[in-house]
Amino acid sequence: RNCLRFLKAHAWLEGRNVVADDDIAILSNMLWTDPEQI
């Protein structure tokens, strides 16, 4: 759910009202729990 909020915020910061596929890139630093998963 937090990731979805970050996606919406990123789209808004990019001047869009809708999340685009390119926005998903910001999640790469949010979804790992072990540094080996980066």
Full PDB file with SEQRES, HELIX, SHEET, SSBOND, CRYST1, ORIGX, SCALE, CONECT and MASTER records, all heavy atoms in Angstrom:
SEQRES   1 A   38  ARG ASN CYS LEU ARG PHE LEU LYS ALA HIS ALA TRP LEU          
SEQRES   2 A   38  GLU GLY ARG ASN VAL VAL ALA ASP ASP ASP ILE ALA ILE          
SEQRES   3 A   38  LEU SER ASN MET LEU TRP THR ASP PRO GLU GLN ILE              
HELIX    1 AA1 ASN A    2  LEU A   13  1                                  12    
HELIX    2 AA2 ASP A   21  ASN A   29  5                                   9    
HELIX    3 AA3 PRO A   35  GLN A   37  5                                   3    
CRYST1    1.000    1.000    1.000  90.00  90.00  90.00 P 1           1          
ORIGX1      1.000000  0.000000  0.000000        0.00000                         
ORIGX2      0.000000  1.000000  0.000000        0.00000                         
ORIGX3      0.000000  0.000000  1.000000        0.00000                         
SCALE1      1.000000  0.000000  0.000000        0.00000                         
SCALE2      0.000000  1.000000  0.000000        0.00000                         
SCALE3      0.000000  0.000000  1.000000        0.00000                         
ATOM      1  N   ARG A   1       0.843  -1.210   0.000  1.00  0.00           N  
ATOM      2  CA  ARG A   1       0.000   0.000   0.000  1.00  0.00           C  
ATOM      3  C   ARG A   1       0.871   1.250   0.000  1.00  0.00           C  
ATOM      4  O   ARG A   1       0.585   2.224  -0.695  1.00  0.00           O  
ATOM      5  CB  ARG A   1      -0.945   0.003   1.197  1.00  0.00           C  
ATOM      6  CG  ARG A   1      -2.186  -0.828   1.012  1.00  0.00           C  
ATOM      7  CD  ARG A   1      -3.237  -0.562   2.089  1.00  0.00           C  
ATOM      8  NE  ARG A   1      -2.720  -0.587   3.448  1.00  0.00           N  
ATOM      9  CZ  ARG A   1      -2.575  -1.675   4.197  1.00  0.00           C  
ATOM     10  NH1 ARG A   1      -2.899  -2.852   3.703  1.00  0.00           N  
ATOM     11  NH2 ARG A   1      -2.109  -1.596   5.432  1.00  0.00           N  
ATOM     12  N   ASN A   2       1.945   1.225   0.795  1.00  0.00           N  
ATOM     13  CA  ASN A   2       2.856   2.374   0.825  1.00  0.00           C  
ATOM     14  C   ASN A   2       3.515   2.588  -0.540  1.00  0.00           C  
ATOM     15  O   ASN A   2       3.699   3.719  -0.977  1.00  0.00           O  
ATOM     16  CB  ASN A   2       3.920   2.201   1.909  1.00  0.00           C  
ATOM     17  CG  ASN A   2       3.374   2.422   3.301  1.00  0.00           C  
ATOM     18  OD1 ASN A   2       2.364   3.112   3.467  1.00  0.00           O  
ATOM     19  ND2 ASN A   2       4.016   1.842   4.294  1.00  0.00           N  
ATOM     20  N   CYS A   3       3.850   1.501  -1.200  1.00  0.00           N  
ATOM     21  CA  CYS A   3       4.433   1.611  -2.536  1.00  0.00           C  
ATOM     22  C   CYS A   3       3.462   2.279  -3.499  1.00  0.00           C  
ATOM     23  O   CYS A   3       3.857   3.116  -4.323  1.00  0.00           O  
ATOM     24  CB  CYS A   3       4.826   0.234  -3.065  1.00  0.00           C  
ATOM     25  SG  CYS A   3       6.290  -0.446  -2.265  1.00  0.00           S  
ATOM     26  N   LEU A   4       2.200   1.913  -3.403  1.00  0.00           N  
ATOM     27  CA  LEU A   4       1.189   2.538  -4.262  1.00  0.00           C  
ATOM     28  C   LEU A   4       1.106   4.040  -3.988  1.00  0.00           C  
ATOM     29  O   LEU A   4       0.988   4.845  -4.924  1.00  0.00           O  
ATOM     30  CB  LEU A   4      -0.173   1.878  -4.065  1.00  0.00           C  
ATOM     31  CG  LEU A   4      -0.289   0.428  -4.519  1.00  0.00           C  
ATOM     32  CD1 LEU A   4      -1.676  -0.123  -4.194  1.00  0.00           C  
ATOM     33  CD2 LEU A   4       0.003   0.285  -6.004  1.00  0.00           C  
ATOM     34  N   ARG A   5       1.193   4.415  -2.719  1.00  0.00           N  
ATOM     35  CA  ARG A   5       1.183   5.850  -2.386  1.00  0.00           C  
ATOM     36  C   ARG A   5       2.407   6.562  -2.975  1.00  0.00           C  
ATOM     37  O   ARG A   5       2.301   7.670  -3.488  1.00  0.00           O  
ATOM     38  CB  ARG A   5       1.147   6.023  -0.865  1.00  0.00           C  
ATOM     39  CG  ARG A   5      -0.176   5.640  -0.264  1.00  0.00           C  
ATOM     40  CD  ARG A   5      -0.178   5.911   1.247  1.00  0.00           C  
ATOM     41  NE  ARG A   5      -1.384   5.377   1.818  1.00  0.00           N  
ATOM     42  CZ  ARG A   5      -1.403   4.427   2.747  1.00  0.00           C  
ATOM     43  NH1 ARG A   5      -0.278   3.934   3.236  1.00  0.00           N  
ATOM     44  NH2 ARG A   5      -2.550   3.986   3.214  1.00  0.00           N  
ATOM     45  N   PHE A   6       3.568   5.910  -2.880  1.00  0.00           N  
ATOM     46  CA  PHE A   6       4.783   6.506  -3.448  1.00  0.00           C  
ATOM     47  C   PHE A   6       4.671   6.645  -4.964  1.00  0.00           C  
ATOM     48  O   PHE A   6       5.134   7.626  -5.543  1.00  0.00           O  
ATOM     49  CB  PHE A   6       6.023   5.690  -3.082  1.00  0.00           C  
ATOM     50  CG  PHE A   6       6.531   5.966  -1.704  1.00  0.00           C  
ATOM     51  CD1 PHE A   6       6.402   5.017  -0.697  1.00  0.00           C  
ATOM     52  CD2 PHE A   6       7.151   7.172  -1.402  1.00  0.00           C  
ATOM     53  CE1 PHE A   6       6.869   5.264   0.578  1.00  0.00           C  
ATOM     54  CE2 PHE A   6       7.631   7.429  -0.128  1.00  0.00           C  
ATOM     55  CZ  PHE A   6       7.482   6.472   0.868  1.00  0.00           C  
ATOM     56  N   LEU A   7       4.071   5.653  -5.602  1.00  0.00           N  
ATOM     57  CA  LEU A   7       3.877   5.738  -7.061  1.00  0.00           C  
ATOM     58  C   LEU A   7       3.002   6.923  -7.426  1.00  0.00           C  
ATOM     59  O   LEU A   7       3.307   7.675  -8.361  1.00  0.00           O  
ATOM     60  CB  LEU A   7       3.269   4.441  -7.592  1.00  0.00           C  
ATOM     61  CG  LEU A   7       4.179   3.230  -7.632  1.00  0.00           C  
ATOM     62  CD1 LEU A   7       3.385   1.980  -7.989  1.00  0.00           C  
ATOM     63  CD2 LEU A   7       5.312   3.443  -8.614  1.00  0.00           C  
ATOM     64  N   LYS A   8       1.904   7.094  -6.689  1.00  0.00           N  
ATOM     65  CA  LYS A   8       1.009   8.227  -6.957  1.00  0.00           C  
ATOM     66  C   LYS A   8       1.727   9.550  -6.724  1.00  0.00           C  
ATOM     67  O   LYS A   8       1.592  10.488  -7.509  1.00  0.00           O  
ATOM     68  CB  LYS A   8      -0.232   8.138  -6.071  1.00  0.00           C  
ATOM     69  CG  LYS A   8      -1.178   7.024  -6.448  1.00  0.00           C  
ATOM     70  CD  LYS A   8      -2.345   6.936  -5.474  1.00  0.00           C  
ATOM     71  CE  LYS A   8      -3.235   5.766  -5.783  1.00  0.00           C  
ATOM     72  NZ  LYS A   8      -4.318   5.624  -4.793  1.00  0.00           N  
ATOM     73  N   ALA A   9       2.506   9.620  -5.642  1.00  0.00           N  
ATOM     74  CA  ALA A   9       3.254  10.845  -5.339  1.00  0.00           C  
ATOM     75  C   ALA A   9       4.287  11.134  -6.427  1.00  0.00           C  
ATOM     76  O   ALA A   9       4.446  12.287  -6.855  1.00  0.00           O  
ATOM     77  CB  ALA A   9       3.927  10.720  -3.978  1.00  0.00           C  
ATOM     78  N   HIS A  10       4.973  10.102  -6.888  1.00  0.00           N  
ATOM     79  CA  HIS A  10       5.978  10.294  -7.929  1.00  0.00           C  
ATOM     80  C   HIS A  10       5.334  10.800  -9.217  1.00  0.00           C  
ATOM     81  O   HIS A  10       5.864  11.712  -9.866  1.00  0.00           O  
ATOM     82  CB  HIS A  10       6.742   8.992  -8.180  1.00  0.00           C  
ATOM     83  CG  HIS A  10       7.880   9.148  -9.119  1.00  0.00           C  
ATOM     84  ND1 HIS A  10       7.776   8.870 -10.461  1.00  0.00           N  
ATOM     85  CD2 HIS A  10       9.156   9.573  -8.911  1.00  0.00           C  
ATOM     86  CE1 HIS A  10       8.939   9.111 -11.043  1.00  0.00           C  
ATOM     87  NE2 HIS A  10       9.787   9.537 -10.126  1.00  0.00           N  
ATOM     88  N   ALA A  11       4.204  10.210  -9.583  1.00  0.00           N  
ATOM     89  CA  ALA A  11       3.492  10.668 -10.784  1.00  0.00           C  
ATOM     90  C   ALA A  11       3.101  12.135 -10.628  1.00  0.00           C  
ATOM     91  O   ALA A  11       3.265  12.935 -11.563  1.00  0.00           O  
ATOM     92  CB  ALA A  11       2.262   9.801 -11.028  1.00  0.00           C  
ATOM     93  N   TRP A  12       2.620  12.505  -9.462  1.00  0.00           N  
ATOM     94  CA  TRP A  12       2.214  13.889  -9.216  1.00  0.00           C  
ATOM     95  C   TRP A  12       3.410  14.825  -9.326  1.00  0.00           C  
ATOM     96  O   TRP A  12       3.326  15.897  -9.923  1.00  0.00           O  
ATOM     97  CB  TRP A  12       1.559  13.997  -7.839  1.00  0.00           C  
ATOM     98  CG  TRP A  12       1.091  15.380  -7.533  1.00  0.00           C  
ATOM     99  CD1 TRP A  12      -0.043  15.981  -7.971  1.00  0.00           C  
ATOM    100  CD2 TRP A  12       1.785  16.352  -6.741  1.00  0.00           C  
ATOM    101  NE1 TRP A  12      -0.106  17.266  -7.498  1.00  0.00           N  
ATOM    102  CE2 TRP A  12       1.004  17.519  -6.734  1.00  0.00           C  
ATOM    103  CE3 TRP A  12       2.975  16.327  -6.027  1.00  0.00           C  
ATOM    104  CZ2 TRP A  12       1.379  18.666  -6.041  1.00  0.00           C  
ATOM    105  CZ3 TRP A  12       3.351  17.473  -5.342  1.00  0.00           C  
ATOM    106  CH2 TRP A  12       2.556  18.621  -5.356  1.00  0.00           C  
ATOM    107  N   LEU A  13       4.549  14.411  -8.748  1.00  0.00           N  
ATOM    108  CA  LEU A  13       5.758  15.237  -8.831  1.00  0.00           C  
ATOM    109  C   LEU A  13       6.249  15.389 -10.271  1.00  0.00           C  
ATOM    110  O   LEU A  13       6.894  16.381 -10.613  1.00  0.00           O  
ATOM    111  CB  LEU A  13       6.873  14.641  -7.967  1.00  0.00           C  
ATOM    112  CG  LEU A  13       6.672  14.771  -6.463  1.00  0.00           C  
ATOM    113  CD1 LEU A  13       7.702  13.937  -5.717  1.00  0.00           C  
ATOM    114  CD2 LEU A  13       6.736  16.229  -6.026  1.00  0.00           C  
ATOM    115  N   GLU A  14       5.934  14.392 -11.101  1.00  0.00           N  
ATOM    116  CA  GLU A  14       6.303  14.452 -12.516  1.00  0.00           C  
ATOM    117  C   GLU A  14       5.261  15.222 -13.341  1.00  0.00           C  
ATOM    118  O   GLU A  14       5.383  15.319 -14.557  1.00  0.00           O  
ATOM    119  CB  GLU A  14       6.465  13.037 -13.082  1.00  0.00           C  
ATOM    120  CG  GLU A  14       7.632  12.263 -12.495  1.00  0.00           C  
ATOM    121  CD  GLU A  14       8.978  12.816 -12.929  1.00  0.00           C  
ATOM    122  OE1 GLU A  14       9.125  13.165 -14.120  1.00  0.00           O  
ATOM    123  OE2 GLU A  14       9.877  12.905 -12.076  1.00  0.00           O  
ATOM    124  N   GLY A  15       4.226  15.736 -12.674  1.00  0.00           N  
ATOM    125  CA  GLY A  15       3.222  16.547 -13.351  1.00  0.00           C  
ATOM    126  C   GLY A  15       2.097  15.740 -13.985  1.00  0.00           C  
ATOM    127  O   GLY A  15       1.410  16.232 -14.870  1.00  0.00           O  
ATOM    128  N   ARG A  16       1.900  14.524 -13.521  1.00  0.00           N  
ATOM    129  CA  ARG A  16       0.845  13.672 -14.067  1.00  0.00           C  
ATOM    130  C   ARG A  16      -0.149  13.301 -12.977  1.00  0.00           C  
ATOM    131  O   ARG A  16       0.200  13.243 -11.798  1.00  0.00           O  
ATOM    132  CB  ARG A  16       1.441  12.393 -14.662  1.00  0.00           C  
ATOM    133  CG  ARG A  16       2.254  12.641 -15.907  1.00  0.00           C  
ATOM    134  CD  ARG A  16       2.847  11.364 -16.491  1.00  0.00           C  
ATOM    135  NE  ARG A  16       4.153  11.109 -15.871  1.00  0.00           N  
ATOM    136  CZ  ARG A  16       4.391  10.161 -14.984  1.00  0.00           C  
ATOM    137  NH1 ARG A  16       3.452   9.327 -14.626  1.00  0.00           N  
ATOM    138  NH2 ARG A  16       5.592  10.010 -14.456  1.00  0.00           N  
ATOM    139  N   ASN A  17      -1.372  13.029 -13.375  1.00  0.00           N  
ATOM    140  CA  ASN A  17      -2.402  12.588 -12.443  1.00  0.00           C  
ATOM    141  C   ASN A  17      -2.509  11.071 -12.401  1.00  0.00           C  
ATOM    142  O   ASN A  17      -3.208  10.529 -11.552  1.00  0.00           O  
ATOM    143  CB  ASN A  17      -3.771  13.167 -12.823  1.00  0.00           C  
ATOM    144  CG  ASN A  17      -3.809  14.664 -12.656  1.00  0.00           C  
ATOM    145  OD1 ASN A  17      -3.163  15.208 -11.774  1.00  0.00           O  
ATOM    146  ND2 ASN A  17      -4.554  15.337 -13.518  1.00  0.00           N  
ATOM    147  N   VAL A  18      -1.837  10.409 -13.329  1.00  0.00           N  
ATOM    148  CA  VAL A  18      -1.923   8.962 -13.449  1.00  0.00           C  
ATOM    149  C   VAL A  18      -0.513   8.369 -13.382  1.00  0.00           C  
ATOM    150  O   VAL A  18       0.426   8.915 -13.952  1.00  0.00           O  
ATOM    151  CB  VAL A  18      -2.588   8.574 -14.796  1.00  0.00           C  
ATOM    152  CG1 VAL A  18      -2.668   7.073 -14.960  1.00  0.00           C  
ATOM    153  CG2 VAL A  18      -3.972   9.194 -14.900  1.00  0.00           C  
ATOM    154  N   VAL A  19      -0.406   7.231 -12.719  1.00  0.00           N  
ATOM    155  CA  VAL A  19       0.878   6.534 -12.611  1.00  0.00           C  
ATOM    156  C   VAL A  19       1.193   5.873 -13.953  1.00  0.00           C  
ATOM    157  O   VAL A  19       0.344   5.218 -14.553  1.00  0.00           O  
ATOM    158  CB  VAL A  19       0.832   5.461 -11.494  1.00  0.00           C  
ATOM    159  CG1 VAL A  19       2.094   4.628 -11.488  1.00  0.00           C  
ATOM    160  CG2 VAL A  19       0.605   6.123 -10.143  1.00  0.00           C  
ATOM    161  N   ALA A  20       2.427   6.067 -14.415  1.00  0.00           N  
ATOM    162  CA  ALA A  20       2.886   5.444 -15.659  1.00  0.00           C  
ATOM    163  C   ALA A  20       3.833   4.294 -15.312  1.00  0.00           C  
ATOM    164  O   ALA A  20       4.379   4.226 -14.203  1.00  0.00           O  
ATOM    165  CB  ALA A  20       3.612   6.477 -16.518  1.00  0.00           C  
ATOM    166  N   ASP A  21       4.030   3.400 -16.257  1.00  0.00           N  
ATOM    167  CA  ASP A  21       4.932   2.262 -16.031  1.00  0.00           C  
ATOM    168  C   ASP A  21       6.323   2.715 -15.613  1.00  0.00           C  
ATOM    169  O   ASP A  21       6.975   2.072 -14.786  1.00  0.00           O  
ATOM    170  CB  ASP A  21       5.036   1.393 -17.290  1.00  0.00           C  
ATOM    171  CG  ASP A  21       3.771   0.611 -17.563  1.00  0.00           C  
ATOM    172  OD1 ASP A  21       2.898   0.539 -16.661  1.00  0.00           O  
ATOM    173  OD2 ASP A  21       3.642   0.066 -18.670  1.00  0.00           O  
ATOM    174  N   ASP A  22       6.804   3.820 -16.181  1.00  0.00           N  
ATOM    175  CA  ASP A  22       8.141   4.316 -15.851  1.00  0.00           C  
ATOM    176  C   ASP A  22       8.278   4.695 -14.380  1.00  0.00           C  
ATOM    177  O   ASP A  22       9.369   4.672 -13.821  1.00  0.00           O  
ATOM    178  CB  ASP A  22       8.502   5.520 -16.718  1.00  0.00           C  
ATOM    179  CG  ASP A  22       8.798   5.137 -18.157  1.00  0.00           C  
ATOM    180  OD1 ASP A  22       9.134   3.967 -18.394  1.00  0.00           O  
ATOM    181  OD2 ASP A  22       8.696   6.012 -19.036  1.00  0.00           O  
ATOM    182  N   ASP A  23       7.156   5.044 -13.723  1.00  0.00           N  
ATOM    183  CA  ASP A  23       7.197   5.410 -12.306  1.00  0.00           C  
ATOM    184  C   ASP A  23       7.602   4.231 -11.424  1.00  0.00           C  
ATOM    185  O   ASP A  23       8.144   4.421 -10.340  1.00  0.00           O  
ATOM    186  CB  ASP A  23       5.824   5.926 -11.843  1.00  0.00           C  
ATOM    187  CG  ASP A  23       5.442   7.236 -12.509  1.00  0.00           C  
ATOM    188  OD1 ASP A  23       6.334   8.076 -12.720  1.00  0.00           O  
ATOM    189  OD2 ASP A  23       4.250   7.414 -12.812  1.00  0.00           O  
ATOM    190  N   ILE A  24       7.331   3.028 -11.874  1.00  0.00           N  
ATOM    191  CA  ILE A  24       7.595   1.832 -11.074  1.00  0.00           C  
ATOM    192  C   ILE A  24       9.076   1.720 -10.710  1.00  0.00           C  
ATOM    193  O   ILE A  24       9.432   1.121  -9.696  1.00  0.00           O  
ATOM    194  CB  ILE A  24       7.083   0.572 -11.810  1.00  0.00           C  
ATOM    195  CG1 ILE A  24       5.551   0.620 -11.872  1.00  0.00           C  
ATOM    196  CG2 ILE A  24       7.546  -0.697 -11.143  1.00  0.00           C  
ATOM    197  CD1 ILE A  24       4.926  -0.475 -12.699  1.00  0.00           C  
ATOM    198  N   ALA A  25       9.942   2.341 -11.479  1.00  0.00           N  
ATOM    199  CA  ALA A  25      11.387   2.260 -11.227  1.00  0.00           C  
ATOM    200  C   ALA A  25      11.757   2.720  -9.820  1.00  0.00           C  
ATOM    201  O   ALA A  25      12.717   2.211  -9.238  1.00  0.00           O  
ATOM    202  CB  ALA A  25      12.149   3.065 -12.266  1.00  0.00           C  
ATOM    203  N   ILE A  26      11.005   3.646  -9.252  1.00  0.00           N  
ATOM    204  CA  ILE A  26      11.348   4.147  -7.918  1.00  0.00           C  
ATOM    205  C   ILE A  26      11.200   3.069  -6.847  1.00  0.00           C  
ATOM    206  O   ILE A  26      11.765   3.187  -5.764  1.00  0.00           O  
ATOM    207  CB  ILE A  26      10.517   5.392  -7.518  1.00  0.00           C  
ATOM    208  CG1 ILE A  26       9.035   5.041  -7.357  1.00  0.00           C  
ATOM    209  CG2 ILE A  26      10.730   6.521  -8.495  1.00  0.00           C  
ATOM    210  CD1 ILE A  26       8.253   6.077  -6.595  1.00  0.00           C  
ATOM    211  N   LEU A  27      10.467   2.018  -7.145  1.00  0.00           N  
ATOM    212  CA  LEU A  27      10.237   0.965  -6.152  1.00  0.00           C  
ATOM    213  C   LEU A  27      11.441   0.049  -5.965  1.00  0.00           C  
ATOM    214  O   LEU A  27      11.487  -0.717  -5.008  1.00  0.00           O  
ATOM    215  CB  LEU A  27       9.017   0.131  -6.538  1.00  0.00           C  
ATOM    216  CG  LEU A  27       7.687   0.874  -6.658  1.00  0.00           C  
ATOM    217  CD1 LEU A  27       6.581  -0.091  -7.034  1.00  0.00           C  
ATOM    218  CD2 LEU A  27       7.366   1.620  -5.373  1.00  0.00           C  
ATOM    219  N   SER A  28      12.417   0.125  -6.847  1.00  0.00           N  
ATOM    220  CA  SER A  28      13.550  -0.799  -6.777  1.00  0.00           C  
ATOM    221  C   SER A  28      14.326  -0.680  -5.463  1.00  0.00           C  
ATOM    222  O   SER A  28      14.948  -1.634  -5.031  1.00  0.00           O  
ATOM    223  CB  SER A  28      14.491  -0.600  -7.963  1.00  0.00           C  
ATOM    224  OG  SER A  28      15.076   0.677  -7.906  1.00  0.00           O  
ATOM    225  N   ASN A  29      14.261   0.470  -4.836  1.00  0.00           N  
ATOM    226  CA  ASN A  29      14.957   0.654  -3.568  1.00  0.00           C  
ATOM    227  C   ASN A  29      14.053   0.459  -2.359  1.00  0.00           C  
ATOM    228  O   ASN A  29      14.486   0.661  -1.226  1.00  0.00           O  
ATOM    229  CB  ASN A  29      15.585   2.049  -3.505  1.00  0.00           C  
ATOM    230  CG  ASN A  29      16.687   2.205  -4.508  1.00  0.00           C  
ATOM    231  OD1 ASN A  29      17.513   1.324  -4.654  1.00  0.00           O  
ATOM    232  ND2 ASN A  29      16.696   3.306  -5.223  1.00  0.00           N  
ATOM    233  N   MET A  30      12.820   0.051  -2.588  1.00  0.00           N  
ATOM    234  CA  MET A  30      11.868  -0.076  -1.494  1.00  0.00           C  
ATOM    235  C   MET A  30      11.424  -1.510  -1.236  1.00  0.00           C  
ATOM    236  O   MET A  30      10.742  -1.769  -0.252  1.00  0.00           O  
ATOM    237  CB  MET A  30      10.627   0.761  -1.817  1.00  0.00           C  
ATOM    238  CG  MET A  30      10.913   2.230  -2.003  1.00  0.00           C  
ATOM    239  SD  MET A  30       9.513   3.133  -2.681  1.00  0.00           S  
ATOM    240  CE  MET A  30       8.309   2.895  -1.418  1.00  0.00           C  
ATOM    241  N   LEU A  31      11.777  -2.428  -2.100  1.00  0.00           N  
ATOM    242  CA  LEU A  31      11.172  -3.751  -2.037  1.00  0.00           C  
ATOM    243  C   LEU A  31      12.096  -4.864  -1.561  1.00  0.00           C  
ATOM    244  O   LEU A  31      11.674  -6.003  -1.451  1.00  0.00           O  
ATOM    245  CB  LEU A  31      10.581  -4.108  -3.405  1.00  0.00           C  
ATOM    246  CG  LEU A  31       9.463  -3.176  -3.861  1.00  0.00           C  
ATOM    247  CD1 LEU A  31       9.068  -3.484  -5.295  1.00  0.00           C  
ATOM    248  CD2 LEU A  31       8.269  -3.289  -2.940  1.00  0.00           C  
ATOM    249  N   TRP A  32      13.326  -4.563  -1.261  1.00  0.00           N  
ATOM    250  CA  TRP A  32      14.234  -5.604  -0.781  1.00  0.00           C  
ATOM    251  C   TRP A  32      14.342  -5.519   0.737  1.00  0.00           C  
ATOM    252  O   TRP A  32      14.167  -4.462   1.320  1.00  0.00           O  
ATOM    253  CB  TRP A  32      15.599  -5.490  -1.443  1.00  0.00           C  
ATOM    254  CG  TRP A  32      16.267  -4.156  -1.285  1.00  0.00           C  
ATOM    255  CD1 TRP A  32      16.156  -3.088  -2.126  1.00  0.00           C  
ATOM    256  CD2 TRP A  32      17.127  -3.746  -0.214  1.00  0.00           C  
ATOM    257  NE1 TRP A  32      16.901  -2.038  -1.645  1.00  0.00           N  
ATOM    258  CE2 TRP A  32      17.506  -2.416  -0.484  1.00  0.00           C  
ATOM    259  CE3 TRP A  32      17.610  -4.360   0.920  1.00  0.00           C  
ATOM    260  CZ2 TRP A  32      18.343  -1.690   0.356  1.00  0.00           C  
ATOM    261  CZ3 TRP A  32      18.454  -3.650   1.755  1.00  0.00           C  
ATOM    262  CH2 TRP A  32      18.811  -2.327   1.466  1.00  0.00           C  
ATOM    263  N   THR A  33      14.609  -6.666   1.355  1.00  0.00           N  
ATOM    264  CA  THR A  33      14.785  -6.700   2.800  1.00  0.00           C  
ATOM    265  C   THR A  33      16.204  -7.110   3.182  1.00  0.00           C  
ATOM    266  O   THR A  33      16.632  -6.867   4.296  1.00  0.00           O  
ATOM    267  CB  THR A  33      13.785  -7.684   3.455  1.00  0.00           C  
ATOM    268  OG1 THR A  33      13.898  -8.945   2.811  1.00  0.00           O  
ATOM    269  CG2 THR A  33      12.370  -7.166   3.336  1.00  0.00           C  
ATOM    270  N   ASP A  34      16.904  -7.731   2.268  1.00  0.00           N  
ATOM    271  CA  ASP A  34      18.267  -8.202   2.495  1.00  0.00           C  
ATOM    272  C   ASP A  34      19.157  -7.543   1.432  1.00  0.00           C  
ATOM    273  O   ASP A  34      18.813  -7.556   0.249  1.00  0.00           O  
ATOM    274  CB  ASP A  34      18.299  -9.731   2.349  1.00  0.00           C  
ATOM    275  CG  ASP A  34      19.657 -10.339   2.618  1.00  0.00           C  
ATOM    276  OD1 ASP A  34      20.641  -9.588   2.759  1.00  0.00           O  
ATOM    277  OD2 ASP A  34      19.728 -11.576   2.689  1.00  0.00           O  
ATOM    278  N   PRO A  35      20.279  -6.948   1.811  1.00  0.00           N  
ATOM    279  CA  PRO A  35      21.134  -6.279   0.820  1.00  0.00           C  
ATOM    280  C   PRO A  35      21.510  -7.161  -0.373  1.00  0.00           C  
ATOM    281  O   PRO A  35      21.759  -6.651  -1.453  1.00  0.00           O  
ATOM    282  CB  PRO A  35      22.363  -5.876   1.622  1.00  0.00           C  
ATOM    283  CG  PRO A  35      21.868  -5.727   3.016  1.00  0.00           C  
ATOM    284  CD  PRO A  35      20.795  -6.775   3.174  1.00  0.00           C  
ATOM    285  N   GLU A  36      21.517  -8.470  -0.184  1.00  0.00           N  
ATOM    286  CA  GLU A  36      21.828  -9.366  -1.298  1.00  0.00           C  
ATOM    287  C   GLU A  36      20.720  -9.375  -2.351  1.00  0.00           C  
ATOM    288  O   GLU A  36      20.923  -9.837  -3.470  1.00  0.00           O  
ATOM    289  CB  GLU A  36      22.067 -10.783  -0.776  1.00  0.00           C  
ATOM    290  CG  GLU A  36      23.333 -10.896   0.053  1.00  0.00           C  
ATOM    291  CD  GLU A  36      23.545 -12.295   0.605  1.00  0.00           C  
ATOM    292  OE1 GLU A  36      22.752 -13.204   0.287  1.00  0.00           O  
ATOM    293  OE2 GLU A  36      24.517 -12.471   1.358  1.00  0.00           O  
ATOM    294  N   GLN A  37      19.548  -8.852  -2.005  1.00  0.00           N  
ATOM    295  CA  GLN A  37      18.417  -8.823  -2.934  1.00  0.00           C  
ATOM    296  C   GLN A  37      18.398  -7.566  -3.802  1.00  0.00           C  
ATOM    297  O   GLN A  37      17.588  -7.470  -4.723  1.00  0.00           O  
ATOM    298  CB  GLN A  37      17.095  -8.883  -2.164  1.00  0.00           C  
ATOM    299  CG  GLN A  37      16.851 -10.152  -1.409  1.00  0.00           C  
ATOM    300  CD  GLN A  37      15.577 -10.076  -0.583  1.00  0.00           C  
ATOM    301  OE1 GLN A  37      15.273  -9.052   0.027  1.00  0.00           O  
ATOM    302  NE2 GLN A  37      14.829 -11.171  -0.583  1.00  0.00           N  
ATOM    303  N   ILE A  38      19.273  -6.622  -3.528  1.00  0.00           N  
ATOM    304  CA  ILE A  38      19.213  -5.329  -4.222  1.00  0.00           C  
ATOM    305  C   ILE A  38      19.306  -5.491  -5.730  1.00  0.00           C  
ATOM    306  O   ILE A  38      18.464  -4.970  -6.470  1.00  0.00           O  
ATOM    307  CB  ILE A  38      20.311  -4.374  -3.703  1.00  0.00           C  
ATOM    308  CG1 ILE A  38      20.039  -4.013  -2.245  1.00  0.00           C  
ATOM    309  CG2 ILE A  38      20.388  -3.114  -4.564  1.00  0.00           C  
ATOM    310  CD1 ILE A  38      21.155  -3.223  -1.581  1.00  0.00           C  
TER     311      ILE A  38                                                      
MASTER        0    0    0    3    0    0    0    6  310    1    0    3          
END                                                                             
